[in-house]
């Protein structure tokens, strides 16, 4: 009897943004492994040791590389390591976001440009930085996937992180334009709210917890990252060969409902 193949069988995937096993990126990494992918994780700064500990929950063979997206040399170093380890990369998950505390909360006007610049650099420009790092190892069929939160409207407390997400959406579209002729896709998954470490840093997150399930026609469980992980894995696979520049909503349908 022939064993069933997963939709990422044989794929080499780089996963960023795994902090704890509650991270959306962790759920995507675990499912990618189950679907046949070889994966590596990246981490940065003080959180690197956290990523290393969490990686062990995915398997002893899961390597972790230091990659601060604001340091171009890190991207070069990881690319060189993966060129030796794998020879090529098939997909990259962008699950990176950060904003100084003043960029979140009730006072949109409080943040200075220096604060906002950090949020946009780490949360949006970083997708281009990952392209710089891994495109030399990627051929036709390659896929960049980013985790997003749809910012077509203003959200309570999200403030400048919302602006950064709008920038991320634009970066992804422009990457799709430039990479399409090379057969490489760039898409985002706009996830509904999930209880993660990142969510804890958002003042007023309880608002989303209290209202999302009520308004989403399919309902929404803030403790279940699996639907988001499935969308990420599908976009990393060959199942969406003609989809790029897209934002796939995995939010129970909330985004489509009126007030």
Protein backbone atom coordinates (compact mmCIF):
# COMPACT_ATOMS: atom_id res chain seq x y z
CA UNK A 1 0.00 0.00 0.00
CA UNK A 2 1.44 3.37 -1.05
CA UNK A 3 1.48 6.02 1.68
CA UNK A 4 -0.52 9.15 0.92
CA UNK A 5 1.54 12.15 -0.06
CA UNK A 6 1.05 15.50 1.61
CA UNK A 7 0.49 18.64 -0.43
CA UNK A 8 3.94 19.95 0.60
CA UNK A 9 5.75 16.68 0.04
CA UNK A 10 9.40 17.41 -0.73
CA UNK A 11 9.04 21.17 -0.29
CA UNK A 12 11.66 23.22 1.59
CA UNK A 13 9.93 25.92 3.64
CA UNK A 14 11.28 28.79 5.75
CA UNK A 15 8.99 29.75 8.65
CA UNK A 16 9.45 33.06 10.46
CA UNK A 17 7.62 34.30 13.53
CA UNK A 18 7.43 31.20 15.73
CA UNK A 19 7.65 32.31 19.36
CA UNK A 20 5.52 29.84 21.30
CA UNK A 21 3.28 26.94 20.41
CA UNK A 22 0.39 29.44 20.49
CA UNK A 23 1.87 31.33 17.52
CA UNK A 24 0.00 31.19 14.23
CA UNK A 25 3.33 30.43 12.60
CA UNK A 26 3.76 27.40 14.88
CA UNK A 27 0.41 26.00 13.75
CA UNK A 28 1.45 26.54 10.13
CA UNK A 29 4.86 24.93 10.74
CA UNK A 30 3.32 21.88 12.39
CA UNK A 31 0.83 21.39 9.55
CA UNK A 32 3.54 21.97 6.92
CA UNK A 33 5.54 19.16 8.52
CA UNK A 34 2.48 16.91 8.55
CA UNK A 35 1.98 17.64 4.84
CA UNK A 36 5.51 16.52 3.98
CA UNK A 37 7.60 19.70 4.08
CA UNK A 38 11.08 20.11 5.44
CA UNK A 39 11.15 23.30 7.47
CA UNK A 40 13.51 25.64 9.23
CA UNK A 41 12.57 28.41 11.62
CA UNK A 42 14.03 31.86 12.11
CA UNK A 43 14.11 34.06 15.17
CA UNK A 44 15.70 37.29 16.27
CA UNK A 45 17.01 39.16 19.25
CA UNK A 46 15.88 38.21 22.72
CA UNK A 47 13.13 36.05 21.24
CA UNK A 48 15.63 33.75 19.50
CA UNK A 49 16.00 31.47 22.52
CA UNK A 50 12.21 31.25 22.74
CA UNK A 51 12.05 30.14 19.11
CA UNK A 52 14.77 27.55 19.75
CA UNK A 53 12.85 26.05 22.67
CA UNK A 54 9.59 25.97 20.75
CA UNK A 55 11.28 24.38 17.72
CA UNK A 56 11.92 21.25 19.76
CA UNK A 57 8.16 20.69 19.92
CA UNK A 58 8.21 20.33 16.13
CA UNK A 59 11.06 17.81 16.07
CA UNK A 60 14.72 17.51 16.91
CA UNK A 61 15.65 18.00 13.26
CA UNK A 62 14.11 21.49 12.96
CA UNK A 63 16.93 24.02 12.72
CA UNK A 64 16.62 27.62 13.89
CA UNK A 65 18.55 30.46 12.25
CA UNK A 66 19.00 33.99 13.52
CA UNK A 67 17.28 36.41 11.16
CA UNK A 68 16.59 39.98 12.19
CA UNK A 69 14.80 41.43 9.16
CA UNK A 70 16.31 44.86 9.86
CA UNK A 71 19.85 43.42 9.42
CA UNK A 72 20.53 42.54 5.76
CA UNK A 73 23.60 40.52 6.73
CA UNK A 74 21.38 38.07 8.59
CA UNK A 75 19.42 37.35 5.44
CA UNK A 76 22.62 36.71 3.51
CA UNK A 77 23.91 34.35 6.22
CA UNK A 78 20.69 32.32 6.33
CA UNK A 79 20.57 32.12 2.54
CA UNK A 80 24.12 30.79 2.42
CA UNK A 81 23.35 28.25 5.14
CA UNK A 82 20.25 27.02 3.29
CA UNK A 83 22.08 26.91 -0.03
CA UNK A 84 24.42 24.41 1.60
CA UNK A 85 21.69 22.58 3.54
CA UNK A 86 18.98 22.35 0.86
CA UNK A 87 20.22 23.93 -2.35
CA UNK A 88 16.93 25.71 -2.88
CA UNK A 89 13.88 27.11 -1.06
CA UNK A 90 10.30 26.53 -2.20
CA UNK A 91 8.38 28.77 0.15
CA UNK A 92 8.63 31.39 2.87
CA UNK A 93 6.10 32.31 5.56
CA UNK A 94 6.26 35.93 6.68
CA UNK A 95 4.82 36.05 10.20
CA UNK A 96 6.67 39.10 11.47
CA UNK A 97 5.18 42.16 13.08
CA UNK A 98 6.18 44.67 15.71
CA UNK A 99 5.22 48.19 16.72
CA UNK A 100 6.44 50.26 19.67
CA UNK A 101 3.87 50.47 22.45
CA UNK A 102 3.01 54.08 21.64
CA UNK A 103 1.84 52.98 18.17
CA UNK A 104 -1.00 50.96 19.72
CA UNK A 105 -3.78 51.98 22.06
CA UNK A 106 -6.18 54.91 22.15
CA UNK A 107 -4.04 57.84 20.93
CA UNK A 108 -3.24 57.62 17.23
CA UNK A 109 -1.53 61.02 17.30
CA UNK A 110 0.94 60.12 20.05
CA UNK A 111 3.41 58.20 17.87
CA UNK A 112 6.35 60.01 16.30
CA UNK A 113 7.82 59.16 12.90
CA UNK A 114 10.67 57.33 14.62
CA UNK A 115 8.09 55.05 16.27
CA UNK A 116 6.08 54.56 13.09
CA UNK A 117 9.21 53.90 11.05
CA UNK A 118 10.03 50.93 13.28
CA UNK A 119 6.52 49.50 12.84
CA UNK A 120 6.60 49.81 9.05
CA UNK A 121 10.18 48.53 8.73
CA UNK A 122 9.63 45.41 10.84
CA UNK A 123 6.02 44.69 9.85
CA UNK A 124 5.91 45.60 6.13
CA UNK A 125 9.29 46.27 4.51
CA UNK A 126 10.39 42.98 6.06
CA UNK A 127 8.47 41.07 3.39
CA UNK A 128 10.73 42.65 0.77
CA UNK A 129 13.72 41.85 2.99
CA UNK A 130 12.73 38.17 2.98
CA UNK A 131 12.46 38.32 -0.81
CA UNK A 132 15.98 39.77 -0.94
CA UNK A 133 17.20 36.93 1.24
CA UNK A 134 15.57 33.94 -0.43
CA UNK A 135 14.81 34.76 -4.07
CA UNK A 136 18.26 33.60 -5.19
CA UNK A 137 17.30 30.12 -3.95
CA UNK A 138 13.76 30.10 -5.36
CA UNK A 139 12.58 29.00 -8.78
CA UNK A 140 9.25 28.77 -10.61
CA UNK A 141 6.51 27.54 -8.31
CA UNK A 142 7.97 29.36 -5.33
CA UNK A 143 5.63 31.05 -2.88
CA UNK A 144 5.79 33.85 -0.35
CA UNK A 145 2.90 33.90 2.12
CA UNK A 146 2.36 36.57 4.75
CA UNK A 147 0.09 36.69 7.78
CA UNK A 148 -2.10 39.75 7.65
CA UNK A 149 -4.95 41.51 9.44
CA UNK A 150 -7.22 43.24 6.93
CA UNK A 151 -6.93 47.01 7.40
CA UNK A 152 -9.53 48.34 4.99
CA UNK A 153 -11.14 50.01 7.99
CA UNK A 154 -9.85 51.55 11.21
CA UNK A 155 -9.86 49.22 14.22
CA UNK A 156 -9.99 50.08 17.91
CA UNK A 157 -6.48 50.30 19.42
CA UNK A 158 -4.73 48.86 16.33
CA UNK A 159 -3.67 52.30 15.09
CA UNK A 160 -0.22 52.39 13.45
CA UNK A 161 0.02 48.61 13.26
CA UNK A 162 -3.04 48.89 11.04
CA UNK A 163 -1.17 51.35 8.84
CA UNK A 164 1.75 48.91 8.73
CA UNK A 165 -0.61 46.12 7.65
CA UNK A 166 -1.89 48.33 4.83
CA UNK A 167 1.72 48.79 3.77
CA UNK A 168 2.29 45.02 3.96
CA UNK A 169 -0.65 44.46 1.64
CA UNK A 170 0.80 46.89 -0.88
CA UNK A 171 4.29 45.34 -0.64
CA UNK A 172 2.79 41.94 -1.37
CA UNK A 173 0.99 43.22 -4.47
CA UNK A 174 4.14 44.83 -5.84
CA UNK A 175 6.14 41.68 -5.17
CA UNK A 176 3.45 39.73 -7.01
CA UNK A 177 3.90 42.07 -9.99
CA UNK A 178 7.68 41.76 -10.05
CA UNK A 179 7.96 38.06 -9.23
CA UNK A 180 5.14 36.78 -11.42
CA UNK A 181 7.27 36.58 -14.59
CA UNK A 182 9.60 34.28 -12.63
CA UNK A 183 6.72 31.98 -11.71
CA UNK A 184 6.83 33.03 -8.03
CA UNK A 185 3.74 34.02 -6.08
CA UNK A 186 3.12 36.44 -3.20
CA UNK A 187 -0.09 36.24 -1.19
CA UNK A 188 -1.40 37.15 2.23
CA UNK A 189 -3.75 35.41 4.65
CA UNK A 190 -5.93 37.90 6.51
CA UNK A 191 -6.62 36.05 9.73
CA UNK A 192 -9.32 36.68 12.25
CA UNK A 193 -8.14 37.38 15.81
CA UNK A 194 -6.29 34.51 17.50
CA UNK A 195 -5.01 34.48 21.08
CA UNK A 196 -1.26 34.69 20.58
CA UNK A 197 1.61 36.46 22.30
CA UNK A 198 1.32 39.23 19.72
CA UNK A 199 -2.38 39.64 20.47
CA UNK A 200 -1.63 40.17 24.14
CA UNK A 201 0.33 43.30 23.23
CA UNK A 202 -2.71 44.92 21.62
CA UNK A 203 -4.72 47.06 24.06
CA UNK A 204 -8.42 46.37 23.63
CA UNK A 205 -7.96 42.90 22.13
CA UNK A 206 -10.94 41.81 24.23
CA UNK A 207 -13.11 43.84 21.85
CA UNK A 208 -12.26 41.43 19.05
CA UNK A 209 -12.79 38.41 21.28
CA UNK A 210 -16.23 39.65 22.31
CA UNK A 211 -17.56 40.64 18.90
CA UNK A 212 -15.92 38.53 16.20
CA UNK A 213 -17.76 35.26 16.83
CA UNK A 214 -21.10 37.08 16.97
CA UNK A 215 -20.68 38.80 13.60
CA UNK A 216 -18.84 36.13 11.63
CA UNK A 217 -21.42 34.06 9.75
CA UNK A 218 -19.34 30.90 10.15
CA UNK A 219 -18.50 31.77 13.74
CA UNK A 220 -14.96 32.21 15.02
CA UNK A 221 -12.87 30.56 17.71
CA UNK A 222 -10.03 32.81 18.93
CA UNK A 223 -8.30 29.74 20.37
CA UNK A 224 -8.17 27.73 17.12
CA UNK A 225 -5.33 28.60 14.70
CA UNK A 226 -5.93 25.54 12.48
CA UNK A 227 -8.05 27.26 9.78
CA UNK A 228 -5.37 29.90 9.31
CA UNK A 229 -2.63 27.27 9.19
CA UNK A 230 -4.52 25.34 6.49
CA UNK A 231 -4.79 28.43 4.30
CA UNK A 232 -1.07 29.16 4.71
CA UNK A 233 -0.09 25.61 3.80
CA UNK A 234 -2.41 25.59 0.79
CA UNK A 235 -0.84 28.80 -0.54
CA UNK A 236 2.67 27.42 0.01
CA UNK A 237 1.70 24.34 -1.99
CA UNK A 238 1.13 23.93 -5.73
CA UNK A 239 -2.66 24.03 -5.27
CA UNK A 240 -2.90 27.76 -6.13
CA UNK A 241 -0.60 28.03 -9.16
CA UNK A 242 -2.40 31.02 -10.70
CA UNK A 243 -3.13 33.01 -7.52
CA UNK A 244 -0.88 35.93 -6.60
CA UNK A 245 -1.25 39.42 -5.18
CA UNK A 246 -4.26 38.08 -3.28
CA UNK A 247 -5.51 38.50 0.29
CA UNK A 248 -7.28 35.33 1.42
CA UNK A 249 -9.60 36.01 4.34
CA UNK A 250 -9.74 33.33 7.02
CA UNK A 251 -11.98 35.09 9.50
CA UNK A 252 -15.27 33.24 9.52
CA UNK A 253 -16.64 35.70 6.96
CA UNK A 254 -16.49 38.70 9.30
CA UNK A 255 -14.91 40.95 6.65
CA UNK A 256 -17.89 40.56 4.32
CA UNK A 257 -20.53 41.64 6.82
CA UNK A 258 -21.91 45.17 7.19
CA UNK A 259 -22.27 47.04 10.45
